[in-house]
Amino acid sequence: MGLLLAGSGPALADPPGGDAGRASRAVDRAEAVLEGATAAAQAAARRFEAANAELPAAQNRLATARGLVAAAIADADTAGRGANDARAAYRTAADGFEQARSHVDEARIQVETIAQATYMGSTFSRINVLLGATGPQDIMDRLNLVGQVMRTQQQDVDALVDARRAASLEQDRAGLTKRTAEDAERSAQEKLRVAKAAQASAVRAKDALDRLATGRLAALRAANAQRAAVLARYRLAKAEEDRIRASLRGYTGGPGRYAGGKLLMPVNGWKSSDFGERYDPFYRVWQLHAGTDFAAPGGTPIHAAADGRVVRAGWSGGYGNYTCLDHGSIDGVGFMTCYGHQSAILVDMGEWVRRGNVIGRVGATGASTGDHLHFETRFNGVPKNPLRYLPSCLC
């Protein structure tokens, strides 16, 4: 149609929200598709889409919880085996210490015997042995005997020293293995606690997923129960669209030729729904959404997008309070803009309005799930995509 547009009035291209608003946007999409449906069907669609949006995250939480359970059980098993090994090592070390201590006791008895013999005069006995020798060879033999006895006694003393040293080492080793065993036991208990907590978390995640699945199924059943009523509304909406086209077809540019330029943004809001054919996944029907929706608070002023004459102003079925302005012709084809779901219409049939004049207020009349402006651009009554004729920034 060759329109060149320029306008004012800020609007956001898309509703706010990041990842956290994914479920909300899914609900918005369902409401846009089901705008003409019954309230019960709309509620079911909201529940269904909300469950669908939450399902991937719930499935991920369950998979993660199950993975944590497997890892925690493996850690607990490993820690349990480590504790068993540490306890066995401690028992071995304790046995070694007991044996070393018995060796100390035996060596102490030997040394105490030597000390007692020395105290009782065994040294003089050895001297007497030497004095009783009958000759040089006998003296040598007796000296060897005395030396052997003294070496044996020294060995017994050395054995006591070595036994004490070994017992001390075994005691240290037993103490270390005992601490290791205690640490391993604490670690095993902690890993077991973690495993139990992970299992409890997995159970909660599974319960949450089951609730989502149950809610999703219930919503689908509720939507199916509304099938007849919703399809009847779709038929009414299609008939209403046919009547609007027929009523506007006769206008071929009463005000003259359209002056050109981009249309003015009709409302300060954000785009919540696009123009085009929509497929309803619940009821398996296609329906044309004849305009672009701009969400805005109830009562927000609605401005005339261009100079024109009011050719329709009143109630129009699913469109609620509905106004259409004739802006003249483009190449012999009548060009109009229309405004639906208004809470209030502030112009009368036949009235001339200027670009930017307030012609109504945003509302949710007719088949609407919330406050917004349904904005249309029509050529000889046939709707075309309004985004082609509005500023690209929607501002």
Protein backbone atom coordinates (compact mmCIF):
# COMPACT_ATOMS: atom_id res chain seq x y z
CA MET A 1 0.00 0.00 0.00
CA GLY A 2 3.02 2.23 0.01
CA LEU A 3 2.45 3.84 3.43
CA LEU A 4 5.32 5.89 4.91
CA LEU A 5 4.86 6.15 8.68
CA ALA A 6 6.11 8.50 11.42
CA GLY A 7 4.69 8.75 14.89
CA SER A 8 5.20 9.34 18.56
CA GLY A 9 4.14 7.78 21.85
CA PRO A 10 6.48 5.22 23.42
CA ALA A 11 5.69 1.50 23.41
CA LEU A 12 7.75 -1.55 24.27
CA ALA A 13 8.17 -4.06 21.45
CA ASP A 14 7.80 -7.04 23.78
CA PRO A 15 6.62 -7.62 27.35
CA PRO A 16 9.31 -7.49 30.04
CA GLY A 17 10.86 -10.57 31.65
CA GLY A 18 13.77 -12.93 31.09
CA ASP A 19 14.10 -16.63 31.76
CA ALA A 20 12.02 -16.27 34.91
CA GLY A 21 9.06 -15.16 32.79
CA ARG A 22 9.09 -18.17 30.48
CA ALA A 23 6.07 -19.78 32.11
CA SER A 24 4.24 -16.45 32.10
CA ARG A 25 4.92 -15.98 28.38
CA ALA A 26 3.69 -19.51 27.70
CA VAL A 27 0.46 -18.67 29.48
CA ASP A 28 0.19 -15.44 27.47
CA ARG A 29 0.52 -17.44 24.25
CA ALA A 30 -2.21 -19.83 25.35
CA GLU A 31 -4.50 -16.95 26.26
CA ALA A 32 -3.84 -15.28 22.89
CA VAL A 33 -4.82 -18.47 21.06
CA LEU A 34 -7.86 -19.05 23.26
CA GLU A 35 -8.98 -15.44 23.48
CA GLY A 36 -12.40 -16.34 22.17
CA ALA A 37 -12.79 -19.45 24.32
CA THR A 38 -14.88 -19.92 27.45
CA ALA A 39 -13.49 -18.89 30.83
CA ALA A 40 -13.19 -22.54 31.85
CA ALA A 41 -11.23 -23.35 28.69
CA GLN A 42 -8.96 -20.36 29.22
CA ALA A 43 -8.25 -21.42 32.81
CA ALA A 44 -7.49 -24.96 31.63
CA ALA A 45 -5.16 -23.61 28.94
CA ARG A 46 -3.31 -21.48 31.47
CA ARG A 47 -2.80 -24.49 33.73
CA PHE A 48 -1.76 -26.68 30.82
CA GLU A 49 0.76 -24.19 29.43
CA ALA A 50 2.14 -23.38 32.88
CA ALA A 51 2.68 -27.11 33.50
CA ASN A 52 4.31 -27.48 30.07
CA ALA A 53 6.64 -24.56 30.76
CA GLU A 54 7.66 -25.95 34.16
CA LEU A 55 8.01 -29.54 32.95
CA PRO A 56 11.56 -29.35 31.46
CA ALA A 57 12.96 -27.75 34.62
CA ALA A 58 11.20 -30.35 36.79
CA GLN A 59 12.57 -33.15 34.62
CA ASN A 60 16.06 -31.67 34.88
CA ARG A 61 15.74 -31.41 38.66
CA LEU A 62 14.72 -35.06 38.86
CA ALA A 63 17.55 -36.20 36.57
CA THR A 64 20.03 -34.13 38.57
CA ALA A 65 18.68 -35.50 41.86
CA ARG A 66 18.95 -39.07 40.58
CA GLY A 67 22.51 -38.43 39.44
CA LEU A 68 23.36 -37.01 42.86
CA VAL A 69 21.82 -40.07 44.51
CA ALA A 70 23.94 -42.42 42.40
CA ALA A 71 27.09 -40.40 43.12
CA ALA A 72 26.29 -40.15 46.84
CA ILE A 73 25.63 -43.89 47.15
CA ALA A 74 28.90 -44.63 45.35
CA ASP A 75 30.73 -42.25 47.71
CA ALA A 76 29.06 -43.83 50.72
CA ASP A 77 30.00 -47.33 49.55
CA THR A 78 33.60 -46.26 48.95
CA ALA A 79 33.74 -44.54 52.34
CA GLY A 80 32.25 -47.62 54.01
CA ARG A 81 34.86 -49.88 52.47
CA GLY A 82 37.54 -47.40 53.51
CA ALA A 83 36.23 -47.46 57.09
CA ASN A 84 36.25 -51.25 57.12
CA ASP A 85 39.82 -51.31 55.81
CA ALA A 86 40.86 -48.72 58.40
CA ARG A 87 39.27 -50.72 61.22
CA ALA A 88 41.06 -53.88 60.02
CA ALA A 89 44.36 -51.98 59.85
CA TYR A 90 43.81 -50.73 63.39
CA ARG A 91 43.13 -54.24 64.67
CA THR A 92 46.34 -55.45 63.02
CA ALA A 93 48.32 -52.55 64.51
CA ALA A 94 46.77 -53.15 67.94
CA ASP A 95 47.74 -56.83 67.75
CA GLY A 96 51.29 -55.79 66.79
CA PHE A 97 51.45 -53.49 69.77
CA GLU A 98 50.26 -56.23 72.11
CA GLN A 99 52.92 -58.57 70.78
CA ALA A 100 55.62 -55.91 71.12
CA ARG A 101 54.49 -55.21 74.67
CA SER A 102 54.72 -58.92 75.55
CA HIS A 103 58.27 -58.95 74.18
CA VAL A 104 59.07 -56.02 76.47
CA ASP A 105 57.69 -57.94 79.43
CA GLU A 106 59.77 -61.00 78.59
CA ALA A 107 62.97 -58.94 78.12
CA ARG A 108 62.30 -57.05 81.35
CA ILE A 109 62.10 -60.34 83.26
CA GLN A 110 65.45 -61.41 81.84
CA VAL A 111 67.09 -58.09 82.73
CA GLU A 112 65.56 -58.14 86.20
CA THR A 113 67.04 -61.63 86.72
CA ILE A 114 70.46 -60.38 85.64
CA ALA A 115 70.15 -57.36 87.95
CA GLN A 116 69.14 -59.58 90.81
CA ALA A 117 72.05 -61.96 90.19
CA THR A 118 74.46 -59.03 90.00
CA TYR A 119 73.08 -57.64 93.23
CA MET A 120 73.50 -61.05 94.87
CA GLY A 121 77.20 -61.19 93.99
CA SER A 122 77.47 -63.00 90.70
CA THR A 123 80.46 -60.78 89.82
CA PHE A 124 82.46 -62.22 92.71
CA SER A 125 81.43 -65.67 91.58
CA ARG A 126 82.94 -65.03 88.16
CA ILE A 127 86.20 -63.83 89.81
CA ASN A 128 86.27 -66.96 91.90
CA VAL A 129 85.90 -69.00 88.74
CA LEU A 130 89.06 -67.38 87.36
CA LEU A 131 90.98 -67.79 90.60
CA GLY A 132 90.29 -71.52 90.60
CA ALA A 133 92.06 -72.04 87.25
CA THR A 134 94.79 -74.73 87.18
CA GLY A 135 96.85 -73.33 84.35
CA PRO A 136 97.08 -70.85 81.49
CA GLN A 137 94.80 -72.83 79.18
CA ASP A 138 92.30 -73.33 81.93
CA ILE A 139 92.39 -69.55 82.60
CA MET A 140 91.70 -68.87 78.92
CA ASP A 141 88.81 -71.31 78.88
CA ARG A 142 87.40 -69.82 82.05
CA LEU A 143 87.78 -66.26 80.63
CA ASN A 144 85.89 -67.29 77.49
CA LEU A 145 83.12 -68.74 79.62
CA VAL A 146 82.91 -65.58 81.71
CA GLY A 147 82.88 -63.42 78.55
CA GLN A 148 80.16 -65.52 77.02
CA VAL A 149 78.04 -65.11 80.13
CA MET A 150 78.59 -61.35 80.12
CA ARG A 151 77.73 -61.12 76.39
CA THR A 152 74.54 -63.03 77.00
CA GLN A 153 73.61 -60.64 79.73
CA GLN A 154 74.34 -57.63 77.47
CA GLN A 155 72.24 -59.17 74.71
CA ASP A 156 69.39 -59.49 77.15
CA VAL A 157 69.75 -55.81 78.06
CA ASP A 158 69.92 -54.86 74.36
CA ALA A 159 66.88 -56.99 73.69
CA LEU A 160 64.94 -55.03 76.33
CA VAL A 161 66.00 -51.73 74.76
CA ASP A 162 65.02 -52.97 71.29
CA ALA A 163 61.74 -54.37 72.58
CA ARG A 164 60.87 -51.05 74.19
CA ARG A 165 61.72 -49.20 70.97
CA ALA A 166 59.62 -51.62 68.91
CA ALA A 167 56.74 -51.34 71.38
CA SER A 168 56.89 -47.54 71.15
CA LEU A 169 56.78 -47.70 67.34
CA GLU A 170 53.90 -50.16 67.41
CA GLN A 171 52.07 -47.92 69.87
CA ASP A 172 52.51 -44.91 67.57
CA ARG A 173 51.38 -46.97 64.60
CA ALA A 174 48.34 -48.22 66.48
CA GLY A 175 47.44 -44.68 67.54
CA LEU A 176 47.73 -43.41 63.96
CA THR A 177 45.65 -46.23 62.52
CA LYS A 178 43.04 -45.67 65.23
CA ARG A 179 42.73 -41.98 64.30
CA THR A 180 42.59 -42.96 60.64
CA ALA A 181 39.84 -45.47 61.40
CA GLU A 182 37.88 -42.89 63.38
CA ASP A 183 38.22 -40.35 60.54
CA ALA A 184 37.14 -42.97 58.02
CA GLU A 185 34.15 -43.85 60.16
CA ARG A 186 33.08 -40.21 60.41
CA SER A 187 33.53 -39.78 56.66
CA ALA A 188 31.42 -42.88 56.00
CA GLN A 189 28.66 -41.58 58.27
CA GLU A 190 28.71 -38.17 56.55
CA LYS A 191 28.61 -39.78 53.09
CA LEU A 192 25.70 -41.93 54.21
CA ARG A 193 23.90 -38.81 55.49
CA VAL A 194 24.48 -37.08 52.14
CA ALA A 195 23.18 -40.14 50.29
CA LYS A 196 20.01 -40.20 52.41
CA ALA A 197 19.48 -36.46 51.84
CA ALA A 198 19.98 -36.92 48.09
CA GLN A 199 17.44 -39.74 48.06
CA ALA A 200 14.93 -37.57 49.92
CA SER A 201 15.52 -34.76 47.40
CA ALA A 202 15.01 -37.18 44.51
CA VAL A 203 11.73 -38.35 46.03
CA ARG A 204 10.54 -34.73 46.34
CA ALA A 205 11.59 -34.02 42.72
CA LYS A 206 9.71 -37.10 41.53
CA ASP A 207 6.61 -36.08 43.50
CA ALA A 208 6.76 -32.57 41.99
CA LEU A 209 7.07 -34.03 38.48
CA ASP A 210 4.14 -36.36 39.14
CA ARG A 211 2.04 -33.42 40.35
CA LEU A 212 2.89 -31.47 37.19
CA ALA A 213 1.96 -34.42 34.99
CA THR A 214 -1.30 -34.92 36.89
CA GLY A 215 -2.15 -31.21 36.68
CA ARG A 216 -1.32 -31.16 32.98
CA LEU A 217 -3.59 -34.13 32.30
CA ALA A 218 -6.41 -32.61 34.37
CA ALA A 219 -6.11 -29.32 32.45
CA LEU A 220 -6.25 -31.17 29.14
CA ARG A 221 -9.38 -33.03 30.26
CA ALA A 222 -10.97 -29.76 31.38
CA ALA A 223 -10.20 -28.17 28.01
CA ASN A 224 -11.69 -31.14 26.16
CA ALA A 225 -14.84 -30.86 28.27
CA GLN A 226 -15.28 -27.32 26.88
CA ARG A 227 -14.91 -28.40 23.24
CA ALA A 228 -18.50 -27.86 22.13
CA ALA A 229 -18.83 -24.44 23.81
CA VAL A 230 -15.47 -23.22 22.49
CA LEU A 231 -16.13 -24.34 18.92
CA ALA A 232 -19.47 -22.57 19.04
CA ARG A 233 -17.68 -19.36 20.07
CA TYR A 234 -15.19 -19.80 17.25
CA ARG A 235 -18.07 -20.01 14.79
CA LEU A 236 -19.60 -16.86 16.26
CA ALA A 237 -16.25 -15.05 16.02
CA LYS A 238 -15.87 -16.03 12.37
CA ALA A 239 -19.39 -14.83 11.63
CA GLU A 240 -18.64 -11.53 13.43
CA GLU A 241 -15.49 -11.05 11.34
CA ASP A 242 -17.50 -11.66 8.16
CA ARG A 243 -20.06 -9.04 9.25
CA ILE A 244 -17.31 -6.48 9.99
CA ARG A 245 -15.74 -7.00 6.60
CA ALA A 246 -19.09 -6.63 4.91
CA SER A 247 -19.98 -3.47 6.83
CA LEU A 248 -16.63 -1.79 6.06
CA ARG A 249 -16.40 -2.91 2.47
CA GLY A 250 -18.56 -0.07 1.26
CA TYR A 251 -16.19 2.63 2.53
CA THR A 252 -13.81 3.55 -0.29
CA GLY A 253 -12.24 6.58 1.26
CA GLY A 254 -14.98 8.95 2.28
CA PRO A 255 -12.52 11.54 3.69
CA GLY A 256 -10.60 11.52 0.41
CA ARG A 257 -7.11 10.23 -0.26
CA TYR A 258 -5.03 9.12 2.74
CA ALA A 259 -2.38 11.76 3.48
CA GLY A 260 0.38 9.12 3.87
CA GLY A 261 3.08 8.63 6.49
CA LYS A 262 3.51 6.15 9.27
CA LEU A 263 0.60 5.72 11.63
CA LEU A 264 0.81 7.03 15.18
CA MET A 265 1.22 4.38 17.88
CA PRO A 266 -2.35 4.18 19.22
CA VAL A 267 -1.40 3.33 22.82
CA ASN A 268 1.50 3.42 25.24
CA GLY A 269 2.05 -0.30 25.96
CA TRP A 270 3.88 -3.36 24.75
CA LYS A 271 3.14 -5.81 21.98
CA SER A 272 1.54 -8.91 23.47
CA SER A 273 0.22 -10.70 20.41
CA ASP A 274 0.83 -10.64 16.66
CA PHE A 275 -1.44 -10.53 13.63
CA GLY A 276 -2.02 -13.77 11.75
CA GLU A 277 -3.60 -17.19 11.58
CA ARG A 278 -3.45 -19.08 14.85
CA TYR A 279 -3.74 -22.79 15.39
CA ASP A 280 -5.48 -23.84 18.56
CA PRO A 281 -3.75 -27.03 19.78
CA PHE A 282 -6.59 -27.84 22.18
CA TYR A 283 -9.44 -27.70 19.68
CA ARG A 284 -7.49 -28.14 16.42
CA VAL A 285 -8.95 -25.18 14.57
CA TRP A 286 -7.38 -22.24 12.76
CA GLN A 287 -8.57 -18.70 13.44
CA LEU A 288 -7.38 -15.38 12.10
CA HIS A 289 -6.21 -12.90 14.71
CA ALA A 290 -7.10 -9.81 12.71
CA GLY A 291 -4.87 -7.31 14.53
CA THR A 292 -1.94 -6.74 16.83
CA ASP A 293 -2.49 -6.61 20.58
CA PHE A 294 -0.80 -4.04 22.80
CA ALA A 295 -1.02 -4.71 26.52
CA ALA A 296 -1.54 -1.67 28.73
CA PRO A 297 -3.23 -0.91 32.05
CA GLY A 298 -6.99 -0.53 32.02
CA GLY A 299 -8.04 3.02 31.30
CA THR A 300 -4.90 3.93 29.32
CA PRO A 301 -5.80 6.49 26.60
CA ILE A 302 -6.24 5.20 23.05
CA HIS A 303 -5.21 7.66 20.34
CA ALA A 304 -6.38 7.96 16.75
CA ALA A 305 -3.57 6.59 14.57
CA ALA A 306 -4.35 9.14 11.82
CA ASP A 307 -6.92 11.76 10.82
CA GLY A 308 -10.25 10.15 9.99
CA ARG A 309 -13.98 9.79 10.41
CA VAL A 310 -15.65 7.41 12.86
CA VAL A 311 -17.50 4.78 10.81
CA ARG A 312 -18.11 2.26 13.57
CA ALA A 313 -18.48 2.81 17.34
CA GLY A 314 -20.23 0.35 19.63
CA TRP A 315 -20.41 -3.23 20.80
CA SER A 316 -19.17 -5.88 18.39
CA GLY A 317 -19.35 -9.37 19.88
CA GLY A 318 -15.93 -10.76 20.77
CA TYR A 319 -14.30 -7.40 20.03
CA GLY A 320 -16.27 -5.80 22.85
CA ASN A 321 -16.36 -2.01 22.55
CA TYR A 322 -15.09 -1.49 19.01
CA THR A 323 -14.29 1.65 17.02
CA CYS A 324 -13.24 2.00 13.37
CA LEU A 325 -11.88 5.13 11.67
CA ASP A 326 -11.94 5.76 7.93
CA HIS A 327 -8.69 7.50 6.84
CA GLY A 328 -9.42 7.82 3.14
CA SER A 329 -8.28 5.75 0.18
CA ILE A 330 -4.97 4.41 -1.06
CA ASP A 331 -5.00 3.59 -4.77
CA GLY A 332 -8.79 3.55 -4.66
CA VAL A 333 -8.97 1.16 -1.69
CA GLY A 334 -10.51 2.36 1.57
CA PHE A 335 -8.02 2.41 4.46
CA MET A 336 -9.27 2.08 8.06
CA THR A 337 -7.98 1.45 11.56
CA CYS A 338 -10.02 -0.31 14.25
CA TYR A 339 -9.71 -0.49 18.03
CA GLY A 340 -11.16 -3.34 20.11
CA HIS A 341 -11.80 -4.37 23.75
CA GLN A 342 -12.11 -0.74 24.94
CA SER A 343 -13.38 -0.06 28.42
CA ALA A 344 -14.93 3.16 27.07
CA ILE A 345 -15.61 4.63 23.62
CA LEU A 346 -15.14 8.41 23.60
CA VAL A 347 -16.27 9.22 20.04
CA ASP A 348 -19.56 8.99 18.10
CA MET A 349 -20.48 7.69 14.69
CA GLY A 350 -19.69 10.23 11.94
CA GLU A 351 -17.39 12.31 14.16
CA TRP A 352 -14.17 13.64 12.61
CA VAL A 353 -11.02 13.07 14.69
CA ARG A 354 -7.45 14.25 14.37
CA ARG A 355 -4.33 12.15 14.61
CA GLY A 356 -3.48 11.76 18.31
CA ASN A 357 -6.98 12.58 19.63
CA VAL A 358 -8.06 10.32 22.51
CA ILE A 359 -10.89 8.17 21.12
CA GLY A 360 -11.25 5.58 23.94
CA ARG A 361 -9.74 3.77 26.90
CA VAL A 362 -7.96 0.42 27.15
CA GLY A 363 -10.09 -2.35 28.62
CA ALA A 364 -10.93 -6.05 28.47
CA THR A 365 -14.45 -6.08 27.02
CA GLY A 366 -15.63 -8.87 24.75
CA ALA A 367 -13.49 -11.99 24.36
CA SER A 368 -10.46 -10.72 26.22
CA THR A 369 -8.23 -12.33 28.84
CA GLY A 370 -6.82 -9.06 30.16
CA ASP A 371 -6.51 -5.33 29.56
CA HIS A 372 -5.11 -4.59 26.10
CA LEU A 373 -5.84 -2.79 22.85
CA HIS A 374 -6.64 -4.94 19.83
CA PHE A 375 -5.48 -2.73 16.92
CA GLU A 376 -6.34 -3.43 13.28
CA THR A 377 -5.52 -1.97 9.89
CA ARG A 378 -8.15 -2.84 7.23
CA PHE A 379 -8.27 -2.28 3.48
CA ASN A 380 -11.78 -2.38 2.07
CA GLY A 381 -12.68 -4.27 5.24
CA VAL A 382 -9.95 -6.91 4.90
CA PRO A 383 -7.47 -6.94 7.82
CA LYS A 384 -3.72 -6.62 7.13
CA ASN A 385 -0.76 -6.80 9.48
CA PRO A 386 -0.64 -3.50 11.43
CA LEU A 387 3.11 -3.77 12.02
CA ARG A 388 3.64 -2.89 8.35
CA TYR A 389 2.15 0.55 8.97
CA LEU A 390 3.32 1.39 12.48
CA PRO A 391 6.80 2.69 13.39
CA SER A 392 9.27 -0.18 13.46
CA CYS A 393 10.28 0.78 17.01
CA LEU A 394 6.63 0.67 18.10
CA CYS A 395 7.20 4.01 19.75
